[in-house]
Amino acid sequence: MQSERNIRKHFRFYGRVQGVGFRYRAYYAARNYGVTGYVKNLYDGSVEMEVQAPEECIDKMLLAIEKGTFILIENLEVRDIPVKTDEREFRVVDS
């Protein structure tokens, strides 16, 4: 039962975001707030993440990630992208 409309966003996080538990914090936050999508480390040291849920759930997930010990987000790129209607889970993608 979802009263709010799903949106989908693409994020790219820069800073101290690899080797600090970022992806797994994102995974557990996504499960906690009903967010689908994926997160993966990129070759340049940044982290890419696509998320889909009502905007309020995405915002709560981001706050939970930012509270992570050792994580330091220095820069963030974000853009809206089309919703994937058949997506049902959040995955950690191995690099």
N, C-alpha and C. Protein backbone atom coordinates (compact mmCIF):
# COMPACT_ATOMS: atom_id res chain seq x y z
N MET A 1 0.85 -1.18 0.00
CA MET A 1 0.00 0.00 0.00
C MET A 1 0.89 1.24 0.00
N GLN A 2 1.00 1.91 -1.10
CA GLN A 2 1.80 3.12 -1.19
C GLN A 2 0.89 4.28 -1.53
N SER A 3 0.85 5.26 -0.64
CA SER A 3 0.01 6.41 -0.87
C SER A 3 0.74 7.48 -1.68
N GLU A 4 2.07 7.45 -1.65
CA GLU A 4 2.86 8.43 -2.37
C GLU A 4 3.40 7.82 -3.66
N ARG A 5 3.60 8.66 -4.63
CA ARG A 5 4.10 8.23 -5.93
C ARG A 5 5.62 7.98 -5.85
N ASN A 6 6.04 6.89 -6.45
CA ASN A 6 7.47 6.59 -6.52
C ASN A 6 8.18 7.54 -7.47
N ILE A 7 9.40 7.89 -7.10
CA ILE A 7 10.31 8.61 -7.99
C ILE A 7 11.60 7.81 -8.04
N ARG A 8 12.46 8.13 -8.99
CA ARG A 8 13.75 7.44 -9.10
C ARG A 8 14.83 8.49 -9.29
N LYS A 9 15.93 8.30 -8.55
CA LYS A 9 17.04 9.25 -8.62
C LYS A 9 18.36 8.49 -8.79
N HIS A 10 19.26 9.13 -9.52
CA HIS A 10 20.61 8.62 -9.69
C HIS A 10 21.54 9.52 -8.89
N PHE A 11 22.35 8.91 -8.02
CA PHE A 11 23.30 9.64 -7.19
C PHE A 11 24.72 9.21 -7.51
N ARG A 12 25.64 10.16 -7.36
CA ARG A 12 27.06 9.83 -7.38
C ARG A 12 27.69 10.56 -6.20
N PHE A 13 28.25 9.79 -5.28
CA PHE A 13 28.82 10.32 -4.05
C PHE A 13 30.34 10.36 -4.17
N TYR A 14 30.92 11.47 -3.73
CA TYR A 14 32.37 11.65 -3.72
C TYR A 14 32.82 11.95 -2.30
N GLY A 15 34.03 11.56 -1.98
CA GLY A 15 34.59 11.80 -0.65
C GLY A 15 35.14 10.50 -0.09
N ARG A 16 35.03 10.33 1.22
CA ARG A 16 35.45 9.07 1.85
C ARG A 16 34.22 8.16 1.86
N VAL A 17 34.02 7.48 0.72
CA VAL A 17 32.81 6.68 0.54
C VAL A 17 33.09 5.23 0.14
N GLN A 18 34.36 4.87 -0.06
CA GLN A 18 34.70 3.48 -0.31
C GLN A 18 35.55 2.96 0.84
N GLY A 19 35.33 1.70 1.20
CA GLY A 19 36.09 1.08 2.27
C GLY A 19 35.64 1.50 3.66
N VAL A 20 34.46 2.10 3.74
CA VAL A 20 33.95 2.59 5.03
C VAL A 20 32.55 2.06 5.34
N GLY A 21 32.10 1.06 4.60
CA GLY A 21 30.78 0.46 4.85
C GLY A 21 29.63 1.20 4.21
N PHE A 22 29.92 2.08 3.27
CA PHE A 22 28.88 2.90 2.63
C PHE A 22 27.81 2.04 1.96
N ARG A 23 28.24 1.09 1.14
CA ARG A 23 27.27 0.28 0.39
C ARG A 23 26.37 -0.53 1.30
N TYR A 24 26.94 -1.08 2.37
CA TYR A 24 26.11 -1.90 3.25
C TYR A 24 25.22 -1.06 4.13
N ARG A 25 25.66 0.13 4.50
CA ARG A 25 24.79 1.06 5.22
C ARG A 25 23.63 1.45 4.31
N ALA A 26 23.91 1.68 3.03
CA ALA A 26 22.87 2.01 2.06
C ALA A 26 21.88 0.86 1.93
N TYR A 27 22.40 -0.36 1.88
CA TYR A 27 21.55 -1.55 1.74
C TYR A 27 20.57 -1.66 2.91
N TYR A 28 21.08 -1.54 4.13
CA TYR A 28 20.21 -1.69 5.29
C TYR A 28 19.24 -0.51 5.43
N ALA A 29 19.68 0.68 5.07
CA ALA A 29 18.78 1.84 5.10
C ALA A 29 17.67 1.67 4.06
N ALA A 30 18.02 1.16 2.88
CA ALA A 30 17.03 0.93 1.83
C ALA A 30 15.99 -0.07 2.29
N ARG A 31 16.44 -1.15 2.90
CA ARG A 31 15.50 -2.15 3.41
C ARG A 31 14.59 -1.55 4.48
N ASN A 32 15.16 -0.72 5.33
CA ASN A 32 14.41 -0.11 6.43
C ASN A 32 13.31 0.84 5.93
N TYR A 33 13.59 1.54 4.82
CA TYR A 33 12.65 2.55 4.33
C TYR A 33 11.92 2.15 3.05
N GLY A 34 12.04 0.89 2.64
CA GLY A 34 11.30 0.40 1.48
C GLY A 34 11.76 0.97 0.15
N VAL A 35 13.07 1.20 0.03
CA VAL A 35 13.65 1.77 -1.18
C VAL A 35 14.22 0.66 -2.05
N THR A 36 14.01 0.72 -3.34
CA THR A 36 14.60 -0.25 -4.27
C THR A 36 15.70 0.44 -5.07
N GLY A 37 16.52 -0.36 -5.75
CA GLY A 37 17.58 0.18 -6.58
C GLY A 37 18.87 -0.59 -6.39
N TYR A 38 19.99 0.13 -6.48
CA TYR A 38 21.30 -0.52 -6.30
C TYR A 38 22.32 0.51 -5.86
N VAL A 39 23.45 0.00 -5.36
CA VAL A 39 24.60 0.83 -5.02
C VAL A 39 25.85 0.08 -5.44
N LYS A 40 26.85 0.81 -5.97
CA LYS A 40 28.10 0.14 -6.36
C LYS A 40 29.26 1.14 -6.30
N ASN A 41 30.44 0.59 -6.01
CA ASN A 41 31.67 1.38 -6.04
C ASN A 41 32.09 1.57 -7.49
N LEU A 42 32.66 2.74 -7.79
CA LEU A 42 33.19 3.01 -9.12
C LEU A 42 34.70 3.08 -9.08
N TYR A 43 35.31 2.89 -10.23
CA TYR A 43 36.77 2.80 -10.34
C TYR A 43 37.49 4.05 -9.83
N ASP A 44 36.84 5.21 -9.85
CA ASP A 44 37.50 6.46 -9.47
C ASP A 44 37.39 6.78 -7.98
N GLY A 45 36.84 5.85 -7.19
CA GLY A 45 36.72 6.07 -5.75
C GLY A 45 35.37 6.63 -5.33
N SER A 46 34.52 6.91 -6.28
CA SER A 46 33.17 7.39 -5.95
C SER A 46 32.21 6.21 -5.83
N VAL A 47 30.99 6.50 -5.40
CA VAL A 47 29.95 5.48 -5.28
C VAL A 47 28.74 5.93 -6.09
N GLU A 48 28.21 5.02 -6.89
CA GLU A 48 27.00 5.28 -7.69
C GLU A 48 25.83 4.58 -7.02
N MET A 49 24.69 5.26 -7.02
CA MET A 49 23.49 4.66 -6.42
C MET A 49 22.26 5.14 -7.18
N GLU A 50 21.37 4.20 -7.49
CA GLU A 50 20.06 4.54 -8.01
C GLU A 50 19.04 4.07 -6.98
N VAL A 51 18.08 4.93 -6.69
CA VAL A 51 17.07 4.59 -5.69
C VAL A 51 15.69 4.95 -6.22
N GLN A 52 14.71 4.17 -5.74
CA GLN A 52 13.34 4.38 -6.16
C GLN A 52 12.42 4.15 -4.98
N ALA A 53 11.57 5.14 -4.71
CA ALA A 53 10.61 5.09 -3.61
C ALA A 53 9.92 6.45 -3.57
N PRO A 54 8.93 6.62 -2.69
CA PRO A 54 8.43 7.98 -2.47
C PRO A 54 9.57 8.87 -1.97
N GLU A 55 9.56 10.14 -2.32
CA GLU A 55 10.66 11.05 -2.01
C GLU A 55 11.01 11.07 -0.52
N GLU A 56 10.01 11.03 0.33
CA GLU A 56 10.25 11.05 1.78
C GLU A 56 11.10 9.85 2.22
N CYS A 57 10.86 8.69 1.65
CA CYS A 57 11.63 7.49 2.00
C CYS A 57 13.07 7.62 1.52
N ILE A 58 13.27 8.19 0.34
CA ILE A 58 14.63 8.40 -0.17
C ILE A 58 15.38 9.37 0.74
N ASP A 59 14.71 10.44 1.15
CA ASP A 59 15.34 11.42 2.04
C ASP A 59 15.77 10.78 3.36
N LYS A 60 14.92 9.94 3.93
CA LYS A 60 15.26 9.26 5.19
C LYS A 60 16.43 8.31 5.00
N MET A 61 16.47 7.63 3.86
CA MET A 61 17.58 6.72 3.57
C MET A 61 18.89 7.50 3.50
N LEU A 62 18.89 8.63 2.80
CA LEU A 62 20.10 9.44 2.68
C LEU A 62 20.60 9.93 4.04
N LEU A 63 19.68 10.34 4.90
CA LEU A 63 20.07 10.77 6.24
C LEU A 63 20.73 9.64 7.02
N ALA A 64 20.19 8.43 6.87
CA ALA A 64 20.75 7.27 7.57
C ALA A 64 22.17 6.97 7.07
N ILE A 65 22.39 7.11 5.77
CA ILE A 65 23.73 6.88 5.21
C ILE A 65 24.71 7.92 5.73
N GLU A 66 24.30 9.18 5.71
CA GLU A 66 25.18 10.28 6.14
C GLU A 66 25.61 10.16 7.60
N LYS A 67 24.81 9.49 8.41
CA LYS A 67 25.14 9.32 9.83
C LYS A 67 26.18 8.22 10.05
N GLY A 68 26.59 7.56 9.00
CA GLY A 68 27.53 6.45 9.12
C GLY A 68 28.89 6.87 9.63
N THR A 69 29.40 6.10 10.55
CA THR A 69 30.74 6.34 11.05
C THR A 69 31.74 6.17 9.92
N PHE A 70 32.71 7.06 9.83
CA PHE A 70 33.80 7.04 8.86
C PHE A 70 33.39 7.54 7.47
N ILE A 71 32.10 7.64 7.18
CA ILE A 71 31.64 8.11 5.88
C ILE A 71 31.72 9.64 5.86
N LEU A 72 32.31 10.17 4.79
CA LEU A 72 32.37 11.62 4.61
C LEU A 72 32.03 11.94 3.16
N ILE A 73 30.83 12.46 2.95
CA ILE A 73 30.39 12.83 1.61
C ILE A 73 30.83 14.27 1.37
N GLU A 74 31.75 14.45 0.43
CA GLU A 74 32.27 15.78 0.13
C GLU A 74 31.55 16.44 -1.03
N ASN A 75 31.02 15.63 -1.93
CA ASN A 75 30.29 16.16 -3.07
C ASN A 75 29.25 15.13 -3.50
N LEU A 76 28.18 15.61 -4.09
CA LEU A 76 27.08 14.73 -4.49
C LEU A 76 26.49 15.25 -5.79
N GLU A 77 26.35 14.36 -6.75
CA GLU A 77 25.63 14.67 -7.99
C GLU A 77 24.32 13.89 -7.94
N VAL A 78 23.23 14.53 -8.33
CA VAL A 78 21.93 13.86 -8.31
C VAL A 78 21.11 14.31 -9.51
N ARG A 79 20.40 13.35 -10.08
CA ARG A 79 19.49 13.69 -11.17
C ARG A 79 18.29 12.75 -11.14
N ASP A 80 17.17 13.23 -11.62
CA ASP A 80 15.97 12.41 -11.73
C ASP A 80 16.08 11.54 -12.96
N ILE A 81 15.64 10.30 -12.82
CA ILE A 81 15.64 9.36 -13.94
C ILE A 81 14.30 8.63 -13.95
N PRO A 82 13.96 7.94 -15.05
CA PRO A 82 12.66 7.26 -15.14
C PRO A 82 12.51 6.12 -14.13
N VAL A 83 11.31 5.97 -13.62
CA VAL A 83 10.97 4.90 -12.68
C VAL A 83 11.02 3.55 -13.41
N LYS A 84 11.50 2.52 -12.70
CA LYS A 84 11.49 1.15 -13.22
C LYS A 84 10.36 0.42 -12.52
N THR A 85 9.27 0.17 -13.22
CA THR A 85 8.07 -0.38 -12.60
C THR A 85 8.24 -1.81 -12.12
N ASP A 86 9.19 -2.55 -12.67
CA ASP A 86 9.34 -3.97 -12.31
C ASP A 86 10.39 -4.22 -11.22
N GLU A 87 10.97 -3.16 -10.66
CA GLU A 87 12.03 -3.34 -9.66
C GLU A 87 11.41 -3.62 -8.29
N ARG A 88 11.98 -4.62 -7.58
CA ARG A 88 11.40 -5.04 -6.31
C ARG A 88 12.38 -5.08 -5.15
N GLU A 89 13.68 -4.81 -5.38
CA GLU A 89 14.66 -4.96 -4.30
C GLU A 89 15.77 -3.93 -4.43
N PHE A 90 16.61 -3.88 -3.41
CA PHE A 90 17.80 -3.04 -3.42
C PHE A 90 19.00 -3.97 -3.38
N ARG A 91 19.97 -3.74 -4.27
CA ARG A 91 21.12 -4.63 -4.38
C ARG A 91 22.42 -3.88 -4.17
N VAL A 92 23.38 -4.57 -3.60
CA VAL A 92 24.76 -4.11 -3.56
C VAL A 92 25.45 -4.78 -4.72
N VAL A 93 25.97 -3.99 -5.66
CA VAL A 93 26.64 -4.52 -6.85
C VAL A 93 28.13 -4.52 -6.59
N ASP A 94 28.74 -5.69 -6.73
CA ASP A 94 30.19 -5.78 -6.56
C ASP A 94 30.89 -5.15 -7.74
N SER A 95 31.96 -4.46 -7.44
CA SER A 95 32.73 -3.77 -8.49
C SER A 95 33.48 -4.76 -9.35
